[in-house]
Amino acid sequence: NNTIPTNRLNPVSVRLADQYLPLPNQAGAVNYAFVTQPTINWDQALTRWDHRFSDRDQVSGHYMLQSYRRPFTGAIPVFKSESKYLNQNVALQHVHTFTATRLNEFRFGYHRGYRTATNPRKETDFKASDLGIIGLRQGGPDGRELSKREAGFPSIGISGFLGMGESGGSDFDFTRTFQFVDNFSIFKGNHSLKMGADIQRRLSDANTINWPYGQINFTSDLSGNAAAAYMLGFPRETLTPEGQPVSAVRQWRMFFYFQDDWKIHPKLTLNLGLRYDLLAMPRDINGNTRTLRFDLGPRPILWPEDRRASAEGKGTVADMWINEHWHIAPRFGFAYRFNDRTTLRGGYGIFTATNQFDHVNVLQLNPPIAGSLTVLAPCILPR
């Protein structure tokens, strides 16, 4: 009669449903309705300063601030969360005119972005085992319990029904950029020459997580009904917590260029340029970054070696790949004016795209300090 005998109900499932799942508040197949009320408390500030010291020297600068909080309460208020953001930007510019044909522009910029996310169980002694969920540890049943900094309620999904648990994702990102730019221009005859450098120091402390507290999914594959599978305690898929190591990636980026706008004829102007990009290796000074190497034995191994049980201490700092130094980028363009109403323009260039730091941060999720074990139930109900 599609009724589960009482003695077959999983006691943990019953207790969690009684404690966390809300009762119906309307009739019908969809018997629970709710409205979220997201609130964003937003502060912004912008100031700018300009000063002309003389005909040869002008200085300008600005400061920008953006600060806001995003508290969120969903269908089950006990699983509320809050994200905090603070972004700041400072820039200074000095333009100096040497002569009528020589000009120098210097710029300095600093950007700081800070984001954190929290939940009511963070920085507490809460563990999944307190709920009766055994073995939901970082790295699998034989792994370690999550620390106070990593604490959170596992995500429990019931296909077609309301689930419970903390929302996942990265909860920490602290990024800084220092930038120094200098451009020098010379105007001589039919040539407009410009050369310069862009020097950047990038720093990023962040984690990259998908399911920080673990994830348990119940579907209809095992019992014909996802809710029945939940009450029986038969998950179709379980993903253990990944852990939440923080990478502290540091990198120098240096860009140099030279270009010439050459008006070789009243109707034809050529733009000739050359750029060189020197990208130093991004390095995780926390030593939480590891990758697969295929050149150290008959089978790929995780490198560098790491015997830590968690990311609380420092690991080995190593380059993740062999650096490249051939990023030379020529550019060519032209503009030909047929008459006062028609101009033909064209160009060709080679450009280098720099990697995002997430390409390095994601490598923090390799074992032993992070990584998730996926367990699938082997039996699927025949259809």
Protein backbone atom coordinates (compact mmCIF):
# COMPACT_ATOMS: atom_id res chain seq x y z
CA ASN A 1 0.00 0.00 0.00
CA ASN A 2 2.98 2.29 -0.55
CA THR A 3 3.46 2.52 3.20
CA ILE A 4 6.84 2.10 4.86
CA PRO A 5 6.68 -0.04 8.02
CA THR A 6 7.63 1.96 11.11
CA ASN A 7 10.47 -0.38 11.95
CA ARG A 8 12.10 0.35 8.58
CA LEU A 9 12.14 4.12 8.96
CA ASN A 10 15.66 5.43 9.36
CA PRO A 11 15.84 7.14 12.79
CA VAL A 12 18.25 9.80 11.57
CA SER A 13 15.97 10.69 8.64
CA VAL A 14 12.97 10.89 10.97
CA ARG A 15 14.77 13.09 13.47
CA LEU A 16 16.08 15.48 10.81
CA ALA A 17 12.65 15.76 9.18
CA ASP A 18 10.98 16.44 12.53
CA GLN A 19 13.58 19.02 13.54
CA TYR A 20 14.25 20.89 10.28
CA LEU A 21 11.60 20.34 7.60
CA PRO A 22 8.61 22.71 7.89
CA LEU A 23 5.01 21.49 8.00
CA PRO A 24 2.69 22.05 4.99
CA ASN A 25 1.14 25.49 4.83
CA GLN A 26 -1.20 24.99 1.86
CA ALA A 27 -3.25 22.24 0.23
CA GLY A 28 -2.35 20.41 -2.97
CA ALA A 29 0.61 18.48 -4.36
CA VAL A 30 2.89 21.47 -3.75
CA ASN A 31 1.98 21.95 -0.10
CA TYR A 32 4.62 24.39 1.09
CA ALA A 33 5.13 27.91 -0.17
CA PHE A 34 7.56 30.58 0.96
CA VAL A 35 8.81 33.98 -0.10
CA THR A 36 12.41 35.03 0.32
CA GLN A 37 13.21 38.59 1.32
CA PRO A 38 16.80 39.24 0.25
CA THR A 39 18.26 42.41 1.68
CA ILE A 40 21.35 44.25 0.50
CA ASN A 41 22.82 46.97 2.68
CA TRP A 42 24.96 48.98 0.28
CA ASP A 43 27.45 51.80 0.90
CA GLN A 44 29.42 53.58 -1.81
CA ALA A 45 31.88 56.45 -1.80
CA LEU A 46 33.81 58.19 -4.57
CA THR A 47 36.20 61.10 -4.37
CA ARG A 48 38.46 62.63 -7.01
CA TRP A 49 41.31 65.12 -6.82
CA ASP A 50 42.86 67.18 -9.65
CA HIS A 51 45.65 69.72 -9.34
CA ARG A 52 47.63 71.68 -11.90
CA PHE A 53 51.02 72.53 -10.44
CA SER A 54 52.20 74.28 -13.62
CA ASP A 55 51.86 74.13 -17.38
CA ARG A 56 54.26 71.16 -17.28
CA ASP A 57 52.84 69.14 -14.36
CA GLN A 58 49.30 67.94 -13.68
CA VAL A 59 48.29 65.45 -11.00
CA SER A 60 44.99 63.65 -10.44
CA GLY A 61 43.72 60.82 -8.31
CA HIS A 62 40.65 59.07 -6.99
CA TYR A 63 39.45 56.79 -4.20
CA MET A 64 36.44 54.49 -4.53
CA LEU A 65 34.77 52.31 -1.92
CA GLN A 66 32.01 49.76 -2.25
CA SER A 67 30.79 47.92 0.83
CA TYR A 68 27.72 45.75 1.15
CA ARG A 69 26.20 42.82 3.03
CA ARG A 70 23.92 40.15 1.60
CA PRO A 71 22.01 38.29 4.32
CA PHE A 72 19.82 35.52 2.94
CA THR A 73 17.12 33.37 4.49
CA GLY A 74 15.52 30.68 2.35
CA ALA A 75 12.72 28.18 2.84
CA ILE A 76 14.12 26.98 6.16
CA PRO A 77 15.23 29.95 8.33
CA VAL A 78 17.73 27.94 10.35
CA PHE A 79 19.90 27.64 7.22
CA LYS A 80 20.38 31.36 6.74
CA SER A 81 23.66 32.80 5.47
CA GLU A 82 25.38 36.15 5.02
CA SER A 83 28.04 37.39 2.61
CA LYS A 84 30.08 40.53 3.19
CA TYR A 85 31.93 42.46 0.48
CA LEU A 86 34.41 45.32 0.68
CA ASN A 87 36.00 46.67 -2.52
CA GLN A 88 38.41 49.62 -2.55
CA ASN A 89 40.34 51.30 -5.36
CA VAL A 90 42.99 54.01 -5.30
CA ALA A 91 44.62 55.59 -8.37
CA LEU A 92 47.13 58.41 -8.92
CA GLN A 93 48.30 59.97 -12.19
CA HIS A 94 51.12 62.43 -12.96
CA VAL A 95 51.53 63.97 -16.42
CA HIS A 96 54.76 65.84 -17.12
CA THR A 97 55.46 67.77 -20.30
CA PHE A 98 59.18 68.01 -21.07
CA THR A 99 58.81 69.90 -24.35
CA ALA A 100 56.17 70.43 -27.00
CA THR A 101 57.13 67.06 -28.49
CA ARG A 102 57.91 65.00 -25.37
CA LEU A 103 55.38 63.88 -22.78
CA ASN A 104 55.44 61.38 -19.89
CA GLU A 105 52.49 59.88 -18.04
CA PHE A 106 52.90 57.88 -14.82
CA ARG A 107 50.04 56.01 -13.13
CA PHE A 108 49.76 54.05 -9.91
CA GLY A 109 46.75 51.94 -8.96
CA TYR A 110 45.78 49.74 -6.05
CA HIS A 111 42.69 47.55 -5.86
CA ARG A 112 41.55 45.56 -2.85
CA GLY A 113 38.64 43.12 -2.89
CA TYR A 114 37.49 41.27 0.21
CA ARG A 115 34.63 38.78 0.52
CA THR A 116 33.54 36.41 3.27
CA ALA A 117 30.49 34.20 3.71
CA THR A 118 29.24 32.63 6.91
CA ASN A 119 26.48 30.51 8.40
CA PRO A 120 25.21 29.97 11.97
CA ARG A 121 27.36 26.86 12.48
CA LYS A 122 30.71 28.35 11.44
CA GLU A 123 33.26 28.70 14.21
CA THR A 124 31.31 26.24 16.39
CA ASP A 125 31.86 22.60 17.38
CA PHE A 126 29.10 21.44 15.02
CA LYS A 127 29.82 18.18 13.14
CA ALA A 128 27.74 16.02 10.80
CA SER A 129 28.16 13.18 13.28
CA ASP A 130 26.16 15.25 15.79
CA LEU A 131 23.17 14.69 13.49
CA GLY A 132 23.79 10.95 13.39
CA ILE A 133 25.36 11.10 9.92
CA ILE A 134 28.44 8.91 10.32
CA GLY A 135 31.46 8.96 8.01
CA LEU A 136 30.76 12.30 6.33
CA ARG A 137 34.33 13.52 6.73
CA GLN A 138 36.82 15.28 4.51
CA GLY A 139 38.43 12.63 2.33
CA GLY A 140 35.89 9.91 3.18
CA PRO A 141 34.84 7.86 6.24
CA ASP A 142 38.46 7.39 7.31
CA GLY A 143 39.29 11.06 6.85
CA ARG A 144 39.20 13.95 9.30
CA GLU A 145 36.35 15.90 10.87
CA LEU A 146 35.88 19.45 9.64
CA SER A 147 37.44 22.19 11.76
CA LYS A 148 35.45 25.00 13.39
CA ARG A 149 36.40 27.28 10.49
CA GLU A 150 34.93 24.72 8.05
CA ALA A 151 31.77 23.83 10.01
CA GLY A 152 28.40 23.68 8.28
CA PHE A 153 25.28 21.56 7.82
CA PRO A 154 25.60 19.09 4.91
CA SER A 155 23.37 19.64 1.89
CA ILE A 156 20.61 17.01 1.75
CA GLY A 157 18.72 16.92 -1.53
CA ILE A 158 15.44 15.00 -2.03
CA SER A 159 14.51 14.96 -5.71
CA GLY A 160 11.14 16.66 -6.23
CA PHE A 161 10.87 17.69 -2.58
CA LEU A 162 12.23 20.37 -0.26
CA GLY A 163 15.70 19.50 0.99
CA MET A 164 17.77 20.97 3.78
CA GLY A 165 21.28 22.12 4.49
CA GLU A 166 23.78 24.92 4.05
CA SER A 167 24.39 26.39 0.61
CA GLY A 168 27.82 25.52 -0.78
CA GLY A 169 30.52 27.42 -2.59
CA SER A 170 33.63 29.41 -1.79
CA ASP A 171 33.41 31.53 1.35
CA PHE A 172 36.67 33.52 1.34
CA ASP A 173 38.36 35.74 -1.24
CA PHE A 174 40.91 38.45 -0.48
CA THR A 175 42.50 39.91 -3.62
CA ARG A 176 44.95 42.80 -4.05
CA THR A 177 46.53 44.33 -7.14
CA PHE A 178 49.35 46.88 -7.25
CA GLN A 179 49.89 48.45 -10.68
CA PHE A 180 52.59 50.80 -11.96
CA VAL A 181 52.27 52.19 -15.51
CA ASP A 182 54.57 54.59 -17.36
CA ASN A 183 54.00 55.87 -20.91
CA PHE A 184 56.47 58.11 -22.76
CA SER A 185 55.47 59.85 -26.00
CA ILE A 186 57.62 61.55 -28.66
CA PHE A 187 56.22 63.44 -31.65
CA LYS A 188 58.73 63.85 -34.46
CA GLY A 189 57.82 64.75 -38.03
CA ASN A 190 55.38 62.20 -39.41
CA HIS A 191 55.94 59.86 -36.46
CA SER A 192 54.04 59.64 -33.18
CA LEU A 193 56.12 57.30 -31.01
CA LYS A 194 54.88 55.83 -27.75
CA MET A 195 56.58 53.36 -25.44
CA GLY A 196 56.01 52.18 -21.93
CA ALA A 197 55.65 49.49 -19.28
CA ASP A 198 52.89 48.08 -17.12
CA ILE A 199 54.15 46.35 -13.94
CA GLN A 200 51.64 44.50 -11.77
CA ARG A 201 51.88 42.64 -8.49
CA ARG A 202 48.94 40.29 -7.95
CA LEU A 203 48.04 38.72 -4.60
CA SER A 204 45.07 36.44 -4.03
CA ASP A 205 44.10 34.55 -0.89
CA ALA A 206 41.05 32.42 -1.65
CA ASN A 207 39.41 29.03 -1.53
CA THR A 208 37.56 27.30 -4.37
CA ILE A 209 34.89 24.90 -3.14
CA ASN A 210 31.82 23.18 -4.55
CA TRP A 211 30.42 21.22 -1.57
CA PRO A 212 32.27 22.36 1.57
CA TYR A 213 30.02 20.50 4.04
CA GLY A 214 29.23 17.37 2.04
CA GLN A 215 26.23 16.51 -0.07
CA ILE A 216 23.70 13.66 0.18
CA ASN A 217 21.22 13.13 -2.67
CA PHE A 218 18.08 10.99 -2.57
CA THR A 219 16.37 10.05 -5.82
CA SER A 220 13.62 7.67 -6.98
CA ASP A 221 16.12 5.16 -8.42
CA LEU A 222 16.25 2.96 -5.32
CA SER A 223 12.65 2.94 -4.06
CA GLY A 224 10.51 4.48 -6.78
CA ASN A 225 10.08 7.65 -4.73
CA ALA A 226 12.78 10.07 -3.54
CA ALA A 227 10.98 10.89 -0.29
CA ALA A 228 10.65 7.18 0.47
CA ALA A 229 14.37 6.69 -0.19
CA TYR A 230 15.08 9.51 2.28
CA MET A 231 12.87 8.03 4.99
CA LEU A 232 14.51 4.61 4.45
CA GLY A 233 17.97 6.19 4.62
CA PHE A 234 19.00 5.04 1.11
CA PRO A 235 20.92 7.87 -0.62
CA ARG A 236 21.65 7.47 -4.32
CA GLU A 237 24.79 9.61 -4.11
CA THR A 238 26.96 10.92 -1.30
CA LEU A 239 29.81 13.40 -1.68
CA THR A 240 32.04 13.90 1.32
CA PRO A 241 33.18 17.44 2.29
CA GLU A 242 36.04 18.80 0.22
CA GLY A 243 37.75 20.72 2.99
CA GLN A 244 38.42 24.44 2.75
CA PRO A 245 42.14 25.12 2.24
CA VAL A 246 43.14 28.67 1.35
CA SER A 247 45.65 29.33 -1.42
CA ALA A 248 47.82 32.44 -1.15
CA VAL A 249 48.88 32.98 -4.77
CA ARG A 250 51.46 35.64 -5.64
CA GLN A 251 52.56 36.73 -9.11
CA TRP A 252 54.45 39.47 -10.96
CA ARG A 253 53.14 40.49 -14.39
CA MET A 254 55.23 42.78 -16.61
CA PHE A 255 54.22 44.19 -19.99
CA PHE A 256 56.42 46.33 -22.29
CA TYR A 257 55.46 47.95 -25.58
CA PHE A 258 56.53 50.25 -28.39
CA GLN A 259 54.34 51.69 -31.13
CA ASP A 260 54.63 54.18 -33.96
CA ASP A 261 51.79 55.96 -35.72
CA TRP A 262 53.48 56.80 -39.03
CA LYS A 263 51.73 59.12 -41.46
CA ILE A 264 53.59 58.19 -44.59
CA HIS A 265 51.15 60.01 -46.91
CA PRO A 266 48.34 62.52 -46.35
CA LYS A 267 45.91 59.69 -47.10
CA LEU A 268 47.71 56.75 -45.45
CA THR A 269 48.67 56.20 -41.80
CA LEU A 270 50.35 53.04 -40.52
CA ASN A 271 50.28 51.83 -36.94
CA LEU A 272 53.28 49.63 -36.11
CA GLY A 273 53.71 48.10 -32.66
CA LEU A 274 55.46 45.44 -30.65
CA ARG A 275 54.61 44.20 -27.18
CA TYR A 276 56.35 41.77 -24.84
CA ASP A 277 54.56 40.09 -21.92
CA LEU A 278 56.67 38.62 -19.13
CA LEU A 279 54.51 36.61 -16.76
CA ALA A 280 56.28 35.25 -13.71
CA MET A 281 55.09 31.97 -12.25
CA PRO A 282 52.11 32.26 -9.89
CA ARG A 283 53.14 30.63 -6.62
CA ASP A 284 50.99 29.54 -3.70
CA ILE A 285 53.04 30.54 -0.65
CA ASN A 286 50.76 28.42 1.58
CA GLY A 287 51.90 25.33 -0.30
CA ASN A 288 48.35 24.00 -0.75
CA THR A 289 48.58 23.68 -4.54
CA ARG A 290 49.27 20.26 -6.10
CA THR A 291 49.02 18.90 -9.61
CA LEU A 292 49.40 15.66 -11.57
CA ARG A 293 52.78 14.93 -13.13
CA PHE A 294 53.20 12.32 -15.84
CA ASP A 295 57.00 12.43 -16.11
CA LEU A 296 58.02 10.96 -12.75
CA GLY A 297 57.09 7.32 -13.14
CA PRO A 298 55.01 4.74 -14.96
CA ARG A 299 51.79 6.35 -13.74
CA PRO A 300 50.81 9.95 -12.91
CA ILE A 301 51.43 11.09 -9.35
CA LEU A 302 50.28 14.07 -7.30
CA TRP A 303 53.14 16.55 -6.88
CA PRO A 304 54.71 17.93 -4.75
CA GLU A 305 54.55 15.35 -1.98
CA ASP A 306 52.33 16.37 0.94
CA ARG A 307 51.95 14.37 4.16
CA ARG A 308 49.78 16.87 6.02
CA ALA A 309 46.38 15.82 7.35
CA SER A 310 44.91 19.31 6.89
CA ALA A 311 45.78 22.74 5.56
CA GLU A 312 46.47 24.19 9.00
CA GLY A 313 50.25 24.18 8.40
CA LYS A 314 52.37 25.20 5.42
CA GLY A 315 52.98 22.82 2.54
CA THR A 316 55.67 22.70 -0.14
CA VAL A 317 55.83 25.69 -2.47
CA ALA A 318 56.54 24.64 -6.06
CA ASP A 319 55.98 25.79 -9.64
CA MET A 320 53.00 24.07 -11.23
CA TRP A 321 54.29 24.17 -14.80
CA ILE A 322 57.29 25.17 -16.91
CA ASN A 323 57.15 28.88 -17.59
CA GLU A 324 57.14 30.40 -21.07
CA HIS A 325 59.06 33.49 -22.17
CA TRP A 326 58.11 33.81 -25.83
CA HIS A 327 55.08 36.07 -25.53
CA ILE A 328 56.10 38.57 -28.21
CA ALA A 329 53.11 40.28 -29.75
CA PRO A 330 53.47 42.33 -32.97
CA ARG A 331 50.65 44.60 -34.15
CA PHE A 332 50.02 46.23 -37.49
CA GLY A 333 47.25 48.56 -38.59
CA PHE A 334 46.48 51.02 -41.34
CA ALA A 335 43.98 53.73 -42.22
CA TYR A 336 43.57 54.86 -45.83
CA ARG A 337 41.36 57.86 -46.60
CA PHE A 338 39.88 57.74 -50.10
CA ASN A 339 38.08 61.05 -49.67
CA ASP A 340 36.36 63.13 -47.03
CA ARG A 341 33.54 60.59 -46.77
CA THR A 342 35.28 57.19 -47.06
CA THR A 343 38.12 55.65 -45.03
CA LEU A 344 39.35 52.05 -45.05
CA ARG A 345 40.84 50.65 -41.84
CA GLY A 346 42.40 47.27 -41.04
CA GLY A 347 44.80 45.60 -38.70
CA TYR A 348 46.41 42.44 -37.40
CA GLY A 349 47.82 41.57 -34.00
CA ILE A 350 48.88 38.76 -31.69
CA PHE A 351 47.65 38.99 -28.12
CA THR A 352 48.48 37.07 -24.94
CA ALA A 353 45.67 36.23 -22.50
CA THR A 354 46.77 35.88 -18.88
CA ASN A 355 45.32 33.14 -16.72
CA GLN A 356 42.90 33.81 -13.89
CA PHE A 357 44.12 32.84 -10.45
CA ASP A 358 41.26 30.33 -10.20
CA HIS A 359 43.33 28.13 -12.53
CA VAL A 360 45.78 27.84 -9.63
CA ASN A 361 43.32 28.00 -6.71
CA VAL A 362 41.35 24.98 -7.91
CA LEU A 363 44.48 22.82 -7.52
CA GLN A 364 44.16 23.27 -3.73
CA LEU A 365 41.40 20.62 -3.76
CA ASN A 366 43.79 17.73 -4.38
CA PRO A 367 44.40 15.18 -1.58
CA PRO A 368 45.39 14.85 1.18
CA ILE A 369 44.35 18.24 2.61
CA ALA A 370 41.23 18.47 0.43
CA GLY A 371 39.25 16.48 -2.07
CA SER A 372 35.91 14.72 -1.95
CA LEU A 373 34.96 11.05 -2.16
CA THR A 374 31.84 10.25 -4.21
CA VAL A 375 29.85 7.16 -3.17
CA LEU A 376 27.12 5.83 -5.48
CA ALA A 377 24.53 3.24 -4.49
CA PRO A 378 25.03 0.26 -6.83
CA CYS A 379 21.38 -0.80 -7.18
CA ILE A 380 18.92 0.98 -9.46
CA LEU A 381 15.27 0.04 -9.58
CA PRO A 382 14.47 -1.62 -12.96
CA ARG A 383 12.07 0.29 -15.15
